[in-house]
């Protein structure tokens, strides 16, 4: 019987390797989300976006996370109830809220960022490339892919 490892090892397509990397990463990070936080896996990217873009509004978060505003609003209601965020009326737009992580929200994000670093270190372990070199290479590949799609489609 053929094993998944054999299929991936012999695959001539970059995308198969990227999918495997993405799926195994999701399994890893979701395990830590479920066991070490009060958020749901689907809320992960919103929390990290807030960590890096503190004080942004719900519309920008929805765009960045490829979600609709109502989904973000529901998630933020849960975040607020769990003490992860605060929402304040945006003085420049009274209909919008600026979202900020609380200390608990920041600690949750930092826990997950630490788990991301552990994942990265494990991936780079025993490779002849540093984490920074791998990120640079992946960034070039990603940007080339985005450029190709924008120019061709």
Protein backbone atom coordinates (compact mmCIF):
# COMPACT_ATOMS: atom_id res chain seq x y z
CA UNK A 1 0.00 0.00 0.00
CA UNK A 2 1.34 3.42 -0.94
CA UNK A 3 1.85 5.85 1.92
CA UNK A 4 1.12 9.58 1.87
CA UNK A 5 4.80 10.25 2.60
CA UNK A 6 5.77 8.45 -0.62
CA UNK A 7 3.31 10.49 -2.68
CA UNK A 8 4.64 13.77 -1.30
CA UNK A 9 8.28 12.75 -1.51
CA UNK A 10 7.85 11.92 -5.20
CA UNK A 11 5.57 14.81 -6.14
CA UNK A 12 6.83 17.00 -8.99
CA UNK A 13 4.52 19.89 -7.97
CA UNK A 14 5.38 22.68 -5.54
CA UNK A 15 1.74 23.05 -4.51
CA UNK A 16 1.59 19.51 -3.09
CA UNK A 17 4.45 20.31 -0.75
CA UNK A 18 2.90 23.63 0.24
CA UNK A 19 -0.45 21.99 0.97
CA UNK A 20 1.22 19.38 3.15
CA UNK A 21 3.10 22.10 5.00
CA UNK A 22 -0.09 24.10 5.47
CA UNK A 23 -2.18 21.15 6.65
CA UNK A 24 0.41 19.87 9.12
CA UNK A 25 0.90 23.43 10.43
CA UNK A 26 -2.86 23.82 10.90
CA UNK A 27 -2.99 20.57 12.86
CA UNK A 28 -0.10 21.73 15.07
CA UNK A 29 -1.35 25.27 15.76
CA UNK A 30 -4.99 24.18 16.22
CA UNK A 31 -3.87 21.72 18.89
CA UNK A 32 -2.27 24.61 20.82
CA UNK A 33 -5.22 26.94 20.20
CA UNK A 34 -7.63 24.37 21.63
CA UNK A 35 -5.48 23.36 24.60
CA UNK A 36 -3.89 26.67 25.55
CA UNK A 37 -6.33 29.46 24.67
CA UNK A 38 -9.98 30.46 24.83
CA UNK A 39 -10.26 31.26 21.13
CA UNK A 40 -11.44 29.10 18.25
CA UNK A 41 -9.12 28.10 15.39
CA UNK A 42 -11.12 30.34 13.01
CA UNK A 43 -10.35 33.34 15.23
CA UNK A 44 -6.60 32.80 15.22
CA UNK A 45 -5.70 35.16 12.39
CA UNK A 46 -7.91 37.95 13.76
CA UNK A 47 -6.15 37.77 17.12
CA UNK A 48 -2.68 37.84 15.56
CA UNK A 49 -3.64 40.65 13.19
CA UNK A 50 -4.76 42.67 16.21
CA UNK A 51 -1.49 41.93 17.98
CA UNK A 52 0.50 43.41 15.10
CA UNK A 53 -2.00 46.16 14.18
CA UNK A 54 -3.25 47.30 17.58
CA UNK A 55 -5.99 49.93 17.41
CA UNK A 56 -7.24 49.03 13.95
CA UNK A 57 -10.94 48.88 13.10
CA UNK A 58 -13.22 45.93 12.36
CA UNK A 59 -13.47 46.69 8.63
CA UNK A 60 -9.70 46.58 8.16
CA UNK A 61 -9.48 43.36 10.15
CA UNK A 62 -12.24 41.80 8.05
CA UNK A 63 -10.41 42.72 4.81
CA UNK A 64 -7.06 41.47 6.09
CA UNK A 65 -8.52 38.16 7.30
CA UNK A 66 -10.74 37.67 4.22
CA UNK A 67 -13.89 37.66 6.34
CA UNK A 68 -17.15 39.58 6.30
CA UNK A 69 -17.65 42.33 8.86
CA UNK A 70 -20.49 40.53 10.61
CA UNK A 71 -18.28 37.46 11.22
CA UNK A 72 -15.58 39.66 12.68
CA UNK A 73 -18.15 41.46 14.80
CA UNK A 74 -19.45 38.16 16.24
CA UNK A 75 -15.90 37.00 17.00
CA UNK A 76 -15.09 40.29 18.69
CA UNK A 77 -18.20 40.05 20.83
CA UNK A 78 -16.83 36.71 22.08
CA UNK A 79 -13.34 38.21 22.49
CA UNK A 80 -14.80 41.04 24.55
CA UNK A 81 -16.79 38.64 26.75
CA UNK A 82 -13.62 36.62 27.38
CA UNK A 83 -11.64 39.73 28.26
CA UNK A 84 -9.31 39.53 25.25
CA UNK A 85 -10.11 42.92 23.65
CA UNK A 86 -11.55 46.35 24.28
CA UNK A 87 -13.54 48.31 21.72
CA UNK A 88 -13.57 52.09 21.68
CA UNK A 89 -15.45 54.41 19.34
CA UNK A 90 -13.09 55.73 16.67
CA UNK A 91 -12.99 59.53 17.05
CA UNK A 92 -12.44 59.99 13.31
CA UNK A 93 -15.43 57.77 12.43
CA UNK A 94 -18.11 57.54 15.11
CA UNK A 95 -19.65 54.44 13.46
CA UNK A 96 -16.41 52.43 13.79
CA UNK A 97 -14.57 50.92 16.72
CA UNK A 98 -10.87 50.81 17.40
CA UNK A 99 -9.97 47.38 18.69
CA UNK A 100 -7.18 46.81 21.21
CA UNK A 101 -5.97 43.67 22.92
CA UNK A 102 -6.15 43.54 26.69
CA UNK A 103 -3.29 42.13 28.72
CA UNK A 104 -4.99 38.72 28.53
CA UNK A 105 -5.39 39.09 24.76
CA UNK A 106 -1.73 40.05 24.40
CA UNK A 107 -0.65 37.06 26.49
CA UNK A 108 -2.79 34.77 24.33
CA UNK A 109 -1.27 36.17 21.12
CA UNK A 110 2.26 35.89 22.51
CA UNK A 111 1.63 32.28 23.51
CA UNK A 112 0.58 31.50 19.94
CA UNK A 113 3.50 33.45 18.46
CA UNK A 114 5.84 31.35 20.62
CA UNK A 115 4.21 28.20 19.24
CA UNK A 116 4.70 29.57 15.71
CA UNK A 117 8.40 30.10 16.42
CA UNK A 118 8.69 26.55 17.76
CA UNK A 119 7.05 25.28 14.55
CA UNK A 120 9.44 27.34 12.41
CA UNK A 121 12.44 26.08 14.37
CA UNK A 122 11.30 22.49 13.94
CA UNK A 123 10.85 22.99 10.18
CA UNK A 124 14.29 24.58 9.80
CA UNK A 125 16.02 22.04 12.04
CA UNK A 126 18.67 20.03 10.19
CA UNK A 127 18.29 22.11 7.02
CA UNK A 128 21.19 23.98 5.52
CA UNK A 129 19.16 27.17 5.62
CA UNK A 130 18.28 29.59 8.38
CA UNK A 131 14.74 30.58 9.27
CA UNK A 132 15.41 34.05 7.82
CA UNK A 133 16.72 32.60 4.54
CA UNK A 134 13.73 30.30 4.25
CA UNK A 135 11.33 33.19 4.92
CA UNK A 136 13.08 35.28 2.28
CA UNK A 137 12.80 32.47 -0.27
CA UNK A 138 9.13 31.83 0.54
CA UNK A 139 8.41 35.55 0.36
CA UNK A 140 9.95 35.73 -3.12
CA UNK A 141 7.92 32.73 -4.25
CA UNK A 142 4.70 34.17 -2.79
CA UNK A 143 5.24 37.60 -4.32
CA UNK A 144 6.03 36.08 -7.71
CA UNK A 145 2.81 34.04 -7.50
CA UNK A 146 0.76 37.14 -6.58
CA UNK A 147 2.30 39.14 -9.40
CA UNK A 148 1.64 36.35 -11.89
CA UNK A 149 -2.03 36.09 -10.89
CA UNK A 150 -2.53 39.86 -10.98
CA UNK A 151 -0.98 40.16 -14.44
CA UNK A 152 -2.59 37.05 -15.95
CA UNK A 153 -6.04 37.06 -14.38
